[in-house]
Amino acid sequence: MADLELLLLQIELIKEEFITTDRADEERRVKEDRAALRIQSWFRGTRLRSYLSMKPDRETNKPPVKTVPVHVICVTTFPLHLQRKATIIQKIWRGYIARAYFRKKVKVQCFVMKMNFYNEMAVRIQKRWKGYYVRKYVHNYYARKRYLEGLTKKNEQVRRTMEEFAEMQRNEREHHQVECEEQKTCLQAQRMHFLLSTHQIPGVFNSPYRDFPHEMELQMKSIKPLLVKDIQQKRQAMDPSAPGDTFLKTRPLPPIPSKKPQGPFRDPATVLQQRYRPLEPTLRVATSITDLEEAREELRRGEWRGRIIDHAFQPFSHAHKNKKYERSIHTTSSFERLAYGTVYFREENQEKLRGKKPFKSIFTTCNVFDKFGQLYSNAGKIV
């Protein structure tokens, strides 16, 4: 019974061990089969290659019979032809593949060359059209030239006016400075009027040792002496910050503090503020009657400042065709616009163009692709 219990306990381990052993045997069998197949394929290939590489007899043109394997007895009569035919088949196939690849490459290169040519021509057309459009509608050369000329004249006029205004201000400042100096000199002469010369005693500014009297002497003779009551007024006129007569001036008394009246009364300031408060108009009264038109006009001005062309749909309409033609300085055509087909893109002198050949406007074909798609023989000639 004890052995039976041990077997029951170990039955799971026995199952796992059996499954592991069986899986290892299966993997080993598969590995041995692959190794056997590889050895057999290597041996058969080596035997066949050695047979195909044998040199036949010069008289009979056959390989030695002793070295021929059993499974290739059917090809013992033409081993040399087998190699030659295989070589011919390989050569033909490789030539076909190479020609097909070459045709494909030539076709791709031809397509790429055409696309590059078309792209370059499209770029040229776009460049010409963009230049014409910008010169015609966006940036007019002659209008810009006239604007710059007018701006130059306006600048010269403004500069001349500013120079005249600056000169006038300079003259006014000099004149004001001269007047101030004259007033100071006059005031000083009035203050020193007591130094004026008399018939008996010469003054300070009229020395007998001078050939001519001093300017201050002549100034004091032409004015009246300064009185005491006028000194304070002229001092205040010349220097407002100077202190005045403080004896006659008295400080005002402080205001009587306002007391709040007794009783249930509101503050007088609040009552006055409520009584004399400003009007509060409604939105209809506060808004101007032309507010909508002004907003539209402001919006229109903003759009006009932001865009380049005043008329957005002018390039797509016929309104610009009635515009007067502006003559170019580089041609000799008339002022008015000429009909299409009669516009002279060059000079109008036809005498110089009589003996010349006409201009060829058609592209010639490329000689490299004339024989594209045709077959060639071994000698290099077209079939």
Protein backbone atom coordinates (compact mmCIF):
# COMPACT_ATOMS: atom_id res chain seq x y z
CA MET A 1 0.00 0.00 0.00
CA ALA A 2 2.84 2.32 0.76
CA ASP A 3 4.33 1.80 -2.72
CA LEU A 4 0.95 2.52 -4.30
CA GLU A 5 0.64 5.78 -2.37
CA LEU A 6 4.14 6.83 -3.52
CA LEU A 7 3.24 6.07 -7.13
CA LEU A 8 0.06 8.13 -6.84
CA LEU A 9 2.04 11.03 -5.41
CA GLN A 10 4.72 10.83 -8.15
CA ILE A 11 2.36 10.27 -11.10
CA GLU A 12 2.37 13.98 -12.03
CA LEU A 13 6.15 14.10 -11.99
CA ILE A 14 6.29 10.98 -14.16
CA LYS A 15 3.90 12.57 -16.69
CA GLU A 16 5.97 15.76 -16.92
CA GLU A 17 9.20 13.77 -17.31
CA PHE A 18 7.63 11.66 -20.09
CA ILE A 19 6.37 14.72 -21.96
CA THR A 20 9.79 16.45 -21.68
CA THR A 21 11.63 13.36 -22.90
CA ASP A 22 9.23 12.89 -25.82
CA ARG A 23 9.58 16.56 -26.86
CA ALA A 24 13.40 16.33 -26.73
CA ASP A 25 13.34 13.14 -28.85
CA GLU A 26 11.08 14.82 -31.43
CA GLU A 27 13.37 17.86 -31.67
CA ARG A 28 16.41 15.63 -32.01
CA ARG A 29 14.70 13.60 -34.77
CA VAL A 30 13.81 16.76 -36.74
CA LYS A 31 17.37 18.04 -36.36
CA GLU A 32 18.83 14.74 -37.56
CA ASP A 33 16.46 14.72 -40.58
CA ARG A 34 17.55 18.22 -41.58
CA ALA A 35 21.21 17.28 -41.19
CA ALA A 36 20.71 14.16 -43.32
CA LEU A 37 18.93 16.17 -46.03
CA ARG A 38 21.71 18.74 -46.08
CA ILE A 39 24.41 16.05 -46.33
CA GLN A 40 22.51 14.29 -49.14
CA SER A 41 21.96 17.51 -51.10
CA TRP A 42 25.60 18.48 -50.71
CA PHE A 43 26.79 15.05 -51.83
CA ARG A 44 24.48 14.91 -54.86
CA GLY A 45 25.36 18.46 -55.91
CA THR A 46 29.08 17.74 -55.58
CA ARG A 47 28.75 14.54 -57.57
CA LEU A 48 26.74 16.23 -60.35
CA ARG A 49 29.11 19.24 -60.54
CA SER A 50 32.12 16.93 -60.77
CA TYR A 51 30.40 15.04 -63.57
CA LEU A 52 29.56 18.23 -65.49
CA SER A 53 33.10 19.53 -65.11
CA MET A 54 34.75 16.44 -66.61
CA LYS A 55 36.65 16.84 -69.89
CA PRO A 56 35.38 14.50 -72.66
CA ASP A 57 37.62 12.37 -74.90
CA ARG A 58 38.94 14.13 -77.98
CA GLU A 59 38.12 11.21 -80.33
CA THR A 60 34.66 10.15 -79.12
CA ASN A 61 33.65 13.44 -77.43
CA LYS A 62 32.19 11.41 -74.50
CA PRO A 63 33.01 11.37 -70.80
CA PRO A 64 34.59 8.30 -69.17
CA VAL A 65 32.00 5.64 -68.43
CA LYS A 66 33.48 4.67 -65.07
CA THR A 67 32.76 7.99 -63.38
CA VAL A 68 29.17 8.41 -64.63
CA PRO A 69 26.60 8.22 -61.78
CA VAL A 70 23.64 5.92 -62.04
CA HIS A 71 20.89 8.61 -61.85
CA VAL A 72 22.36 10.61 -64.77
CA ILE A 73 22.80 7.76 -67.28
CA CYS A 74 20.08 9.41 -69.46
CA VAL A 75 22.27 12.45 -70.09
CA THR A 76 25.58 10.69 -70.73
CA THR A 77 25.26 11.24 -74.47
CA PHE A 78 25.08 15.10 -74.35
CA PRO A 79 26.91 16.53 -71.28
CA LEU A 80 28.74 19.10 -73.42
CA HIS A 81 25.55 20.24 -75.18
CA LEU A 82 23.89 20.68 -71.79
CA GLN A 83 26.49 23.24 -70.73
CA ARG A 84 26.38 25.07 -74.05
CA LYS A 85 22.59 25.29 -74.10
CA ALA A 86 22.48 26.43 -70.51
CA THR A 87 25.01 29.16 -71.34
CA ILE A 88 22.96 30.24 -74.38
CA ILE A 89 19.74 30.35 -72.33
CA GLN A 90 21.44 32.43 -69.62
CA LYS A 91 22.87 34.83 -72.18
CA ILE A 92 19.51 35.35 -73.91
CA TRP A 93 17.66 35.82 -70.64
CA ARG A 94 20.22 38.24 -69.24
CA GLY A 95 20.22 40.22 -72.48
CA TYR A 96 16.42 40.47 -72.41
CA ILE A 97 16.40 41.60 -68.79
CA ALA A 98 19.14 44.18 -69.48
CA ARG A 99 17.33 45.59 -72.52
CA ALA A 100 14.06 45.84 -70.60
CA TYR A 101 15.85 47.60 -67.73
CA PHE A 102 17.57 49.96 -70.17
CA ARG A 103 14.26 50.82 -71.88
CA LYS A 104 12.69 51.51 -68.50
CA LYS A 105 15.60 53.75 -67.44
CA VAL A 106 15.49 55.67 -70.74
CA LYS A 107 11.74 56.15 -70.41
CA VAL A 108 12.09 57.44 -66.86
CA GLN A 109 14.94 59.80 -67.80
CA CYS A 110 12.95 61.10 -70.77
CA PHE A 111 9.95 61.75 -68.53
CA VAL A 112 12.10 63.49 -65.91
CA MET A 113 13.74 65.66 -68.57
CA LYS A 114 10.34 66.66 -69.98
CA MET A 115 8.98 67.48 -66.52
CA ASN A 116 12.04 69.60 -65.74
CA PHE A 117 11.61 71.44 -69.02
CA TYR A 118 7.89 72.01 -68.38
CA ASN A 119 8.61 73.24 -64.85
CA GLU A 120 11.21 75.69 -66.11
CA MET A 121 8.86 77.02 -68.78
CA ALA A 122 6.06 77.32 -66.20
CA VAL A 123 8.37 79.28 -63.91
CA ARG A 124 9.24 81.66 -66.74
CA ILE A 125 5.56 82.20 -67.59
CA GLN A 126 4.72 82.82 -63.94
CA LYS A 127 7.62 85.25 -63.62
CA ARG A 128 6.52 87.27 -66.65
CA TRP A 129 2.87 87.30 -65.55
CA LYS A 130 3.66 88.28 -61.94
CA GLY A 131 5.94 91.08 -63.11
CA TYR A 132 3.28 92.40 -65.51
CA TYR A 133 0.53 92.16 -62.87
CA VAL A 134 2.57 93.94 -60.20
CA ARG A 135 3.64 96.71 -62.56
CA LYS A 136 0.10 97.10 -63.91
CA TYR A 137 -2.10 96.94 -60.81
CA VAL A 138 0.02 96.87 -57.64
CA HIS A 139 3.07 99.07 -58.17
CA ASN A 140 2.68 101.60 -60.98
CA TYR A 141 6.10 102.96 -61.88
CA TYR A 142 4.91 106.26 -63.35
CA ALA A 143 2.42 106.94 -60.58
CA ARG A 144 5.13 106.20 -58.05
CA LYS A 145 7.50 108.54 -59.88
CA ARG A 146 4.94 111.36 -59.87
CA TYR A 147 4.25 110.77 -56.20
CA LEU A 148 7.96 110.95 -55.34
CA GLU A 149 8.40 114.13 -57.36
CA GLY A 150 5.44 115.76 -55.59
CA LEU A 151 6.76 114.51 -52.24
CA THR A 152 10.17 116.03 -52.97
CA LYS A 153 8.62 119.40 -53.79
CA LYS A 154 6.43 119.24 -50.69
CA ASN A 155 9.44 118.38 -48.54
CA GLU A 156 11.39 121.32 -49.93
CA GLN A 157 8.46 123.67 -49.28
CA VAL A 158 7.98 122.38 -45.72
CA ARG A 159 11.71 122.63 -45.05
CA ARG A 160 11.78 126.20 -46.36
CA THR A 161 8.77 127.11 -44.21
CA MET A 162 10.36 125.56 -41.13
CA GLU A 163 13.61 127.42 -41.75
CA GLU A 164 11.69 130.71 -42.05
CA PHE A 165 9.78 129.94 -38.85
CA ALA A 166 13.01 129.07 -37.02
CA GLU A 167 14.60 132.30 -38.26
CA MET A 168 11.57 134.28 -37.08
CA GLN A 169 11.71 132.67 -33.62
CA ARG A 170 15.43 133.38 -33.43
CA ASN A 171 14.84 137.05 -34.28
CA GLU A 172 12.06 137.26 -31.70
CA ARG A 173 14.29 135.80 -29.00
CA GLU A 174 17.10 138.23 -29.88
CA HIS A 175 14.66 141.14 -29.92
CA HIS A 176 13.22 140.08 -26.54
CA GLN A 177 16.73 139.74 -25.11
CA VAL A 178 17.66 143.20 -26.37
CA GLU A 179 14.48 144.67 -24.83
CA CYS A 180 15.23 143.03 -21.48
CA GLU A 181 18.76 144.42 -21.51
CA GLU A 182 17.43 147.88 -22.37
CA GLN A 183 14.91 147.69 -19.51
CA LYS A 184 17.62 146.63 -17.08
CA THR A 185 19.84 149.48 -18.28
CA CYS A 186 16.99 151.98 -17.99
CA LEU A 187 16.14 150.79 -14.46
CA GLN A 188 19.77 151.02 -13.43
CA ALA A 189 19.98 154.54 -14.90
CA GLN A 190 16.87 155.57 -12.96
CA ARG A 191 18.33 154.19 -9.75
CA MET A 192 21.65 156.01 -10.30
CA HIS A 193 20.03 159.23 -11.47
CA PHE A 194 21.58 161.05 -8.51
CA LEU A 195 25.01 160.57 -10.15
CA LEU A 196 24.01 162.81 -13.04
CA SER A 197 26.37 165.73 -13.78
CA THR A 198 25.39 169.28 -13.02
CA HIS A 199 26.59 172.65 -14.36
CA GLN A 200 29.02 173.02 -11.53
CA ILE A 201 30.10 169.46 -10.63
CA PRO A 202 30.70 166.72 -13.22
CA GLY A 203 29.28 163.29 -12.44
CA VAL A 204 30.97 159.93 -12.17
CA PHE A 205 30.19 158.96 -15.77
CA ASN A 206 31.27 162.40 -17.13
CA SER A 207 34.89 162.52 -16.16
CA PRO A 208 36.93 165.46 -17.50
CA TYR A 209 39.57 163.00 -18.58
CA ARG A 210 37.20 161.41 -21.12
CA ASP A 211 36.88 162.64 -24.65
CA PHE A 212 33.19 161.79 -24.69
CA PRO A 213 30.76 161.15 -21.82
CA HIS A 214 29.78 157.59 -20.91
CA GLU A 215 26.62 155.97 -22.31
CA MET A 216 25.11 155.83 -18.83
CA GLU A 217 25.44 159.63 -18.62
CA LEU A 218 23.42 160.07 -21.78
CA GLN A 219 20.89 157.46 -20.57
CA MET A 220 20.39 159.26 -17.23
CA LYS A 221 19.82 162.58 -19.04
CA SER A 222 17.06 161.10 -21.21
CA ILE A 223 14.98 159.53 -18.37
CA LYS A 224 13.34 160.67 -15.19
CA PRO A 225 14.53 159.62 -11.75
CA LEU A 226 12.89 156.61 -10.12
CA LEU A 227 10.44 157.46 -7.32
CA VAL A 228 10.22 155.48 -4.09
CA LYS A 229 6.68 154.28 -4.72
CA ASP A 230 7.61 152.85 -8.14
CA ILE A 231 10.58 150.85 -6.87
CA GLN A 232 8.46 148.05 -5.41
CA GLN A 233 6.24 147.80 -8.49
CA LYS A 234 9.13 147.54 -10.95
CA ARG A 235 10.87 145.05 -8.67
CA GLN A 236 7.79 142.84 -8.71
CA ALA A 237 7.52 143.23 -12.49
CA MET A 238 11.16 142.23 -13.02
CA ASP A 239 11.22 139.45 -10.38
CA PRO A 240 7.83 138.06 -9.26
CA SER A 241 9.50 135.86 -6.60
CA ALA A 242 10.95 138.88 -4.78
CA PRO A 243 9.37 139.62 -1.37
CA GLY A 244 6.94 142.56 -1.31
CA ASP A 245 5.81 144.99 1.35
CA THR A 246 4.86 142.74 4.26
CA PHE A 247 3.85 145.57 6.58
CA LEU A 248 0.65 146.46 4.75
CA LYS A 249 -0.43 142.89 3.99
CA THR A 250 -2.31 140.82 6.54
CA ARG A 251 -3.17 137.18 6.44
CA PRO A 252 -6.87 136.35 5.94
CA LEU A 253 -8.75 134.93 8.88
CA PRO A 254 -9.48 131.21 8.79
CA PRO A 255 -13.02 130.26 7.74
CA ILE A 256 -15.64 129.63 10.38
CA PRO A 257 -16.06 125.88 10.77
CA SER A 258 -19.48 124.76 9.63
CA LYS A 259 -21.43 122.88 12.25
CA LYS A 260 -23.95 120.24 11.45
CA PRO A 261 -27.42 121.52 12.17
CA GLN A 262 -29.36 119.92 14.92
CA GLY A 263 -32.06 117.50 13.94
CA PRO A 264 -32.60 114.77 11.34
CA PHE A 265 -31.05 116.69 8.48
CA ARG A 266 -28.71 115.38 5.82
CA ASP A 267 -25.30 116.78 5.05
CA PRO A 268 -25.57 120.00 3.00
CA ALA A 269 -22.85 118.81 0.63
CA THR A 270 -24.87 115.67 -0.13
CA VAL A 271 -27.99 117.74 -0.71
CA LEU A 272 -26.18 120.13 -3.05
CA GLN A 273 -24.57 117.24 -4.95
CA GLN A 274 -27.94 115.62 -5.45
CA ARG A 275 -29.54 118.92 -6.45
CA TYR A 276 -26.89 119.93 -8.94
CA ARG A 277 -25.91 116.51 -10.23
CA PRO A 278 -25.26 116.30 -14.00
CA LEU A 279 -27.74 114.82 -16.40
CA GLU A 280 -27.62 111.12 -17.17
CA PRO A 281 -28.77 110.80 -20.77
CA THR A 282 -30.06 107.54 -22.16
CA LEU A 283 -28.18 105.47 -24.73
CA ARG A 284 -30.29 106.89 -27.54
CA VAL A 285 -29.49 110.47 -26.49
CA ALA A 286 -25.83 109.79 -25.67
CA THR A 287 -25.20 108.12 -29.04
CA SER A 288 -24.86 110.32 -32.06
CA ILE A 289 -27.49 110.05 -34.79
CA THR A 290 -24.73 109.44 -37.34
CA ASP A 291 -22.87 106.89 -35.22
CA LEU A 292 -23.63 103.99 -37.60
CA GLU A 293 -22.44 105.92 -40.67
CA GLU A 294 -19.27 106.99 -38.83
CA ALA A 295 -18.52 103.37 -37.81
CA ARG A 296 -19.02 102.21 -41.40
CA GLU A 297 -16.77 104.98 -42.67
CA GLU A 298 -14.07 104.07 -40.13
CA LEU A 299 -14.32 100.40 -41.15
CA ARG A 300 -14.05 101.41 -44.81
CA ARG A 301 -10.96 103.50 -44.04
CA GLY A 302 -9.35 100.57 -42.22
CA GLU A 303 -9.97 98.25 -45.16
CA TRP A 304 -8.63 100.88 -47.56
CA ARG A 305 -5.42 101.21 -45.52
CA GLY A 306 -4.92 97.45 -45.32
CA ARG A 307 -5.41 96.34 -48.90
CA ILE A 308 -3.11 96.93 -51.85
CA ILE A 309 -5.70 97.39 -54.60
CA ASP A 310 -8.63 99.76 -54.11
CA HIS A 311 -10.94 97.71 -56.32
CA ALA A 312 -10.64 94.04 -55.36
CA PHE A 313 -12.37 92.71 -58.50
CA GLN A 314 -10.75 95.09 -60.99
CA PRO A 315 -8.33 92.48 -62.47
CA PHE A 316 -11.34 90.24 -63.33
CA SER A 317 -13.49 92.96 -64.92
CA HIS A 318 -13.34 95.13 -68.05
CA ALA A 319 -13.47 98.46 -66.24
CA HIS A 320 -9.70 98.99 -66.46
CA LYS A 321 -9.69 98.70 -70.27
CA ASN A 322 -11.09 102.22 -70.63
CA LYS A 323 -8.16 103.69 -68.72
CA LYS A 324 -5.86 106.00 -70.66
CA TYR A 325 -2.67 104.39 -71.83
CA GLU A 326 0.52 105.68 -70.21
CA ARG A 327 3.27 105.89 -72.75
CA SER A 328 6.45 103.96 -72.04
CA ILE A 329 9.82 105.69 -72.28
CA HIS A 330 11.44 102.59 -73.81
CA THR A 331 9.31 102.29 -77.01
CA THR A 332 8.29 104.53 -79.91
CA SER A 333 4.63 103.54 -80.11
CA SER A 334 1.78 106.09 -80.00
CA PHE A 335 0.06 107.27 -76.85
CA GLU A 336 -3.17 105.35 -77.31
CA ARG A 337 -3.57 101.62 -76.73
CA LEU A 338 -3.10 99.55 -79.88
CA ALA A 339 -5.29 96.60 -80.82
CA TYR A 340 -4.03 93.10 -80.18
CA GLY A 341 -2.04 91.83 -83.14
CA THR A 342 -0.80 95.28 -84.13
CA VAL A 343 1.26 95.95 -80.98
CA TYR A 344 4.93 96.29 -81.88
CA PHE A 345 6.98 94.50 -79.28
CA ARG A 346 10.14 95.80 -80.97
CA GLU A 347 11.00 98.82 -83.09
CA GLU A 348 8.63 99.76 -85.91
CA ASN A 349 11.40 100.04 -88.50
CA GLN A 350 10.56 97.15 -90.85
CA GLU A 351 13.38 97.95 -93.30
CA LYS A 352 15.95 96.38 -90.99
CA LEU A 353 13.99 93.12 -90.72
CA ARG A 354 13.43 92.40 -94.44
CA GLY A 355 16.61 90.45 -95.14
CA LYS A 356 16.58 88.48 -91.88
CA LYS A 357 15.19 84.99 -91.37
CA PRO A 358 11.96 84.62 -89.39
CA PHE A 359 12.22 83.58 -85.76
CA LYS A 360 11.66 79.87 -85.12
CA SER A 361 9.18 79.45 -82.28
CA ILE A 362 9.01 75.60 -82.43
CA PHE A 363 11.39 73.48 -80.40
CA THR A 364 13.48 70.97 -82.34
CA THR A 365 13.48 67.35 -81.22
CA CYS A 366 16.38 65.84 -79.31
CA ASN A 367 18.46 63.45 -81.49
CA VAL A 368 19.21 61.20 -78.57
CA PHE A 369 15.65 59.83 -78.46
CA ASP A 370 15.00 59.44 -82.23
CA LYS A 371 15.66 55.67 -82.11
CA PHE A 372 13.92 55.07 -78.79
CA GLY A 373 11.86 51.82 -78.70
CA GLN A 374 13.49 50.23 -81.76
CA LEU A 375 15.40 46.94 -81.69
CA TYR A 376 19.09 46.59 -82.50
CA SER A 377 20.97 43.65 -83.98
CA ASN A 378 24.30 42.25 -82.78
CA ALA A 379 26.12 44.36 -85.34
CA GLY A 380 24.56 47.56 -83.90
CA LYS A 381 22.29 48.29 -86.89
CA ILE A 382 18.55 48.90 -86.77
CA VAL A 383 16.53 45.81 -87.62
